[in-house]
Protein backbone atom coordinates (compact mmCIF):
# COMPACT_ATOMS: atom_id res chain seq x y z
CA GLU A 1 141.20 -166.30 103.98
CA GLY A 2 142.81 -163.86 101.62
CA VAL A 3 142.00 -160.56 99.92
CA MET A 4 140.44 -159.42 96.66
CA MET A 5 142.56 -157.17 94.50
CA LEU A 6 141.20 -155.14 91.57
CA ASP A 7 143.58 -153.07 89.44
CA GLY A 8 146.22 -153.44 92.15
CA GLU A 9 143.92 -152.17 94.89
CA GLU A 10 142.42 -154.22 97.72
CA VAL A 11 138.62 -154.16 97.47
CA TYR A 12 135.70 -155.24 99.63
CA PHE A 13 132.14 -155.44 98.37
CA ALA A 14 129.30 -155.03 100.87
CA SER A 15 126.65 -155.78 98.23
CA PRO A 16 126.22 -156.82 94.59
CA GLN A 17 125.64 -153.13 93.82
CA ASP A 18 129.11 -152.34 95.21
CA ALA A 19 130.61 -154.89 92.84
CA TRP A 20 128.62 -153.55 89.88
CA ASN A 21 129.85 -150.05 90.61
CA ARG A 22 133.43 -151.34 90.39
CA GLY A 23 132.78 -153.18 87.12
CA VAL A 24 132.45 -156.71 88.52
CA ALA A 25 129.44 -158.80 87.50
CA THR A 26 128.46 -162.36 88.38
CA ILE A 27 126.43 -164.66 86.17
CA PHE A 28 125.04 -167.38 88.41
CA GLN A 29 124.31 -170.96 87.41
CA GLU A 30 120.59 -170.28 87.86
CA LEU A 31 121.03 -167.02 85.85
CA ALA A 32 118.64 -164.98 88.05
CA LEU A 33 116.58 -163.88 85.05
CA ALA A 34 112.91 -162.93 85.24
CA GLY A 35 111.11 -165.38 82.96
CA LYS A 36 107.93 -163.34 82.57
CA MET A 37 109.76 -160.21 81.50
CA THR A 38 111.12 -159.36 78.06
CA ILE A 39 114.73 -159.67 76.98
CA ALA A 40 115.26 -155.91 77.13
CA ASP A 41 113.58 -155.64 80.54
CA ASN A 42 115.95 -158.30 81.90
CA ILE A 43 119.03 -156.62 80.46
CA PHE A 44 118.08 -153.32 82.12
CA LEU A 45 116.58 -154.75 85.33
CA GLY A 46 117.50 -152.35 88.12
CA ARG A 47 119.30 -149.99 85.72
CA GLU A 48 116.45 -148.73 83.56
CA ILE A 49 116.89 -145.71 81.29
CA THR A 50 114.39 -142.95 81.96
CA ARG A 51 113.44 -139.68 80.31
CA THR A 52 111.51 -136.83 81.84
CA VAL A 53 108.42 -135.32 80.25
CA ALA A 54 106.85 -132.30 81.98
CA GLY A 55 108.75 -133.18 85.14
CA ILE A 56 107.50 -136.79 85.18
CA PRO A 57 110.00 -139.64 84.65
CA PHE A 58 109.07 -142.34 82.12
CA LEU A 59 110.92 -145.49 81.05
CA ASP A 60 112.76 -144.83 77.79
CA ARG A 61 111.88 -148.14 76.18
CA ARG A 62 113.14 -147.09 72.75
CA ALA A 63 116.63 -146.41 74.13
CA MET A 64 116.62 -149.67 76.12
CA HIS A 65 115.52 -151.71 73.11
CA LYS A 66 118.17 -150.11 70.91
CA ARG A 67 120.94 -150.76 73.46
CA SER A 68 119.72 -154.33 74.04
CA ARG A 69 119.91 -155.08 70.31
CA GLU A 70 123.45 -153.64 70.17
CA LEU A 71 124.62 -155.78 73.11
CA LEU A 72 123.11 -158.96 71.68
CA GLU A 73 124.59 -158.25 68.24
CA ASP A 74 128.04 -157.70 69.78
CA LEU A 75 127.75 -161.16 71.35
CA ASP A 76 126.21 -162.69 68.21
CA VAL A 77 123.16 -163.79 70.22
CA VAL A 78 120.23 -164.60 67.94
CA VAL A 79 116.80 -164.19 69.55
CA PRO A 80 113.31 -164.27 68.02
CA ASP A 81 112.44 -160.71 69.06
CA ILE A 82 113.64 -158.24 71.69
CA HIS A 83 110.10 -158.29 73.16
CA THR A 84 110.15 -162.07 73.74
CA TRP A 85 109.70 -163.25 77.32
CA VAL A 86 112.87 -164.85 78.62
CA GLU A 87 111.02 -168.03 79.67
CA TYR A 88 110.60 -168.86 75.97
CA LEU A 89 114.35 -168.74 75.21
CA SER A 90 116.72 -171.69 75.04
CA GLY A 91 119.40 -172.19 77.70
CA GLY A 92 122.09 -170.76 75.44
CA GLN A 93 119.99 -167.71 74.58
CA ARG A 94 119.35 -167.10 78.29
CA GLN A 95 123.09 -167.20 78.94
CA GLY A 96 123.49 -164.63 76.19
CA VAL A 97 120.92 -162.35 77.84
CA ALA A 98 122.67 -162.74 81.22
CA ILE A 99 126.03 -161.84 79.66
CA ALA A 100 124.47 -158.87 77.84
CA ARG A 101 123.16 -157.64 81.20
CA ALA A 102 126.69 -157.86 82.62
CA LEU A 103 128.05 -155.91 79.67
CA ASN A 104 125.30 -153.33 80.10
CA ILE A 105 126.81 -152.35 83.46
CA ASP A 106 130.16 -152.05 81.64
CA ALA A 107 131.64 -154.93 83.62
CA GLU A 108 135.37 -155.47 83.17
CA VAL A 109 135.43 -158.65 85.29
CA ILE A 110 132.72 -161.23 84.71
CA VAL A 111 132.41 -164.23 87.04
CA MET A 112 130.57 -167.14 85.41
CA ASP A 113 129.39 -169.95 87.69
CA GLU A 114 128.96 -173.26 85.81
CA PRO A 115 127.57 -171.55 82.68
CA THR A 116 127.43 -174.76 80.63
CA ALA A 117 125.70 -176.94 83.24
CA ALA A 118 122.57 -178.65 81.87
CA LEU A 119 123.03 -177.23 78.35
CA ALA A 120 122.87 -179.21 75.12
CA VAL A 121 126.12 -179.64 73.17
CA ALA A 122 125.30 -176.91 70.61
CA GLU A 123 124.44 -174.47 73.40
CA VAL A 124 127.67 -175.27 75.26
CA ARG A 125 129.56 -174.33 72.10
CA LYS A 126 127.67 -171.03 71.98
CA VAL A 127 128.50 -170.17 75.60
CA LEU A 128 132.19 -170.89 75.01
CA GLU A 129 132.03 -168.58 71.99
CA PHE A 130 130.49 -165.90 74.25
CA ILE A 131 133.50 -166.23 76.56
CA LYS A 132 135.93 -165.93 73.63
CA THR A 133 134.05 -162.82 72.44
CA LEU A 134 134.38 -161.27 75.90
CA ARG A 135 138.14 -161.97 75.84
CA ARG A 136 138.46 -160.28 72.44
CA GLN A 137 136.68 -157.25 73.92
CA GLY A 138 139.35 -157.06 76.64
CA LYS A 139 137.13 -158.33 79.46
CA SER A 140 138.41 -160.64 82.20
CA VAL A 141 136.35 -163.79 82.73
CA ILE A 142 136.53 -166.01 85.80
CA LEU A 143 135.00 -169.32 84.75
CA ILE A 144 133.94 -171.70 87.51
CA SER A 145 133.45 -175.15 86.02
CA HIS A 146 133.88 -178.87 86.59
CA ASN A 147 134.21 -179.45 82.84
CA VAL A 148 137.96 -179.60 82.29
CA GLN A 149 137.69 -179.59 78.48
CA ASP A 150 135.64 -176.37 78.51
CA VAL A 151 138.16 -174.74 80.84
CA PHE A 152 141.08 -175.68 78.61
CA GLU A 153 139.37 -174.25 75.56
CA VAL A 154 138.91 -170.74 76.94
CA SER A 155 141.41 -170.19 79.78
CA ASP A 156 144.88 -168.72 80.25
CA ARG A 157 145.31 -169.91 83.84
CA ILE A 158 143.65 -172.63 85.90
CA THR A 159 143.20 -172.58 89.65
CA VAL A 160 142.21 -175.86 91.28
CA LEU A 161 140.36 -175.84 94.60
CA ARG A 162 139.96 -178.96 96.72
CA ARG A 163 138.26 -179.09 100.11
CA GLY A 164 138.27 -175.31 100.30
CA GLN A 165 142.00 -174.97 99.61
CA ARG A 166 143.82 -173.80 96.50
CA ILE A 167 146.04 -176.71 95.58
CA GLY A 168 147.00 -175.82 92.04
CA LEU A 169 147.66 -172.65 90.02
CA LEU A 170 148.62 -173.65 86.50
CA GLU A 171 149.20 -172.01 83.13
CA THR A 172 146.85 -173.65 80.65
CA ALA A 173 149.48 -173.83 77.91
CA LYS A 174 151.92 -175.60 80.25
CA THR A 175 149.66 -178.25 81.73
CA THR A 176 147.40 -181.08 80.61
CA PRO A 177 143.83 -182.15 81.41
CA GLU A 178 145.31 -185.22 83.11
CA GLU A 179 147.41 -183.09 85.45
CA VAL A 180 144.43 -180.90 86.33
CA VAL A 181 142.30 -183.97 87.04
CA GLY A 182 145.14 -185.22 89.23
CA TYR A 183 144.86 -182.07 91.33
CA ILE A 184 141.08 -182.36 91.49
CA THR A 185 141.23 -185.96 92.72
CA GLY A 186 144.18 -185.35 95.02
CA ALA A 187 146.59 -187.59 93.10
CA ALA A 188 148.86 -184.65 92.20
CA GLU A 189 148.47 -182.80 95.52
CA THR A 190 151.95 -183.58 96.78
CA LYS A 191 153.61 -183.35 93.38
CA ARG A 192 153.54 -179.56 93.12
CA ARG A 193 152.56 -176.86 95.58
CA PRO A 194 150.55 -173.79 94.50
CA GLU A 195 153.43 -171.39 95.08
CA GLU A 196 155.60 -173.42 92.69
CA ALA A 197 153.06 -173.00 89.90
CA HIS A 198 153.40 -169.19 89.60
């Protein structure tokens, strides 16, 4: 139970498109990228740029490629070529493409579901850098993760859920990984209530 508030206003989203229109994007653990499409095609999937010639609409691939390069450069994502199929990218590069797609809809709130799961150590570092870049750009990131160390590196606040209940709301600078793990395991459940952590 509860409500979603965005900019002080209660919101309800009937579809992902509703959320996009309000500047909220979700990057799922499985990424939902089309492997047999190019990087640029994935970034603009469902939001393609068109131009009209003699009354007939055509995809404006030049504009989409230019914008895709700008988004990837802003995130410092290095890819072989903008025309590369996504299935040939590494896990970290795919995360970069998924984040670029979120930025392409001008998302102000980006929900990331287990973005470092199944990534190699170097790629985990890259994803954490992506999150820091988003913060510097003034974006809000909601990071869902079981990796406590990753969460501590990039967060301001930590919410702990256990058995469907919020049992901890902590300021990162005022807590420790041990305390957070205590909430996760239930050892700290009676020590502090969520309302006391505000």
